[in-house]
């Protein structure tokens, strides 16, 4: 019997459902235990430290009050990290979602917050949020946080248990999604369509979220088997080739490029030893591409490519042809080099 086709968004949803099923029970138990000693930092830290191994793949575990201020140290594999104690996390994307939920859920009036995930048919993971993936502030890598509500005996929220995960550490389905076979239209460079005597760079969605895009693409190349990427800045899309299916490319839309959750649709793969581009240099190449994109309003980068196996960077500018150059030479060249008489085509 033919297996149903998996598309990117469906694959991400299934991945999140699997993770929710793994994390809900251990975090729920920790929240119940902490509620008995809430307000006693050292007792809460002892409970979280003892229960840390029960939360699979966890990087950091901590407790927060109802205002999203951290009230314990970070619990990690290496032990307690005191520095984050007292940190206000209310501006982080995962806590914005959790704080919003507290305003829509009240057990006493039996109002249910509709975003509680389902861990199996008809069973919701109440008081549990697996928040959208985001880019971590320190590592600049796609990360995920699970939030478990903590309540007093009357059902009133008194705080949260937070569990941080590096996306690259989480288990993933080994099956690669299939690219849908239907016509797609992607808008071109708006600057070219303008009826003016000269074109200037028009800001694209990728331009506005360039730091997130760099982190998503880097993650895909380092840990998910993407060996070639063509990043089209002006039209806010990318075309990628993966080692699991090298004869077919996949299109990443603007929505996928700015959503770190997209990484979960690709099976984890070790960075290939035969790649000419060192893994730690991928971010440098991508950041230099973004520098060329914003360097000048008239002579700007429209698209850039990187292939880790042949080590070549491709560049296409608005009005100066294309270049193909080894990655190390590309990093060595001053940005003002581009746009001179050295165009390749």
Foldseek 3Di string as FASTA:
>chain_A
DDDDFFDLVNQLVVFVLQLCLQALVLQVVLLAVCLVVPPPQVVNLVSCQVSVVSGPQFAWKFKAWLQQFTQYFTQGPVGGDRVSHRPRCCPPQVNVVVNVLLVQDDVVVPGADPQFDANDVPRGSPQKDWTFWDQDPPPRATKTKMKGFHAHPVRRTGIIMITIHGPLRDAADADAGDADPDDDDFDAQVQVVDPDPAGWHDADLCLVQVSQLLNLVLCCQAWFAWFKKKAFRRRQKMWTAGPVHRVDIHIGHNVLSNGSSSSRNGHTDHNDPQFPDPSVCSSVLSVVLSCQQPVGGRWGWRMWMAGRNVQWIKTQIPPQAIDIDHNVVVSVDDSVVPPDPPHPD
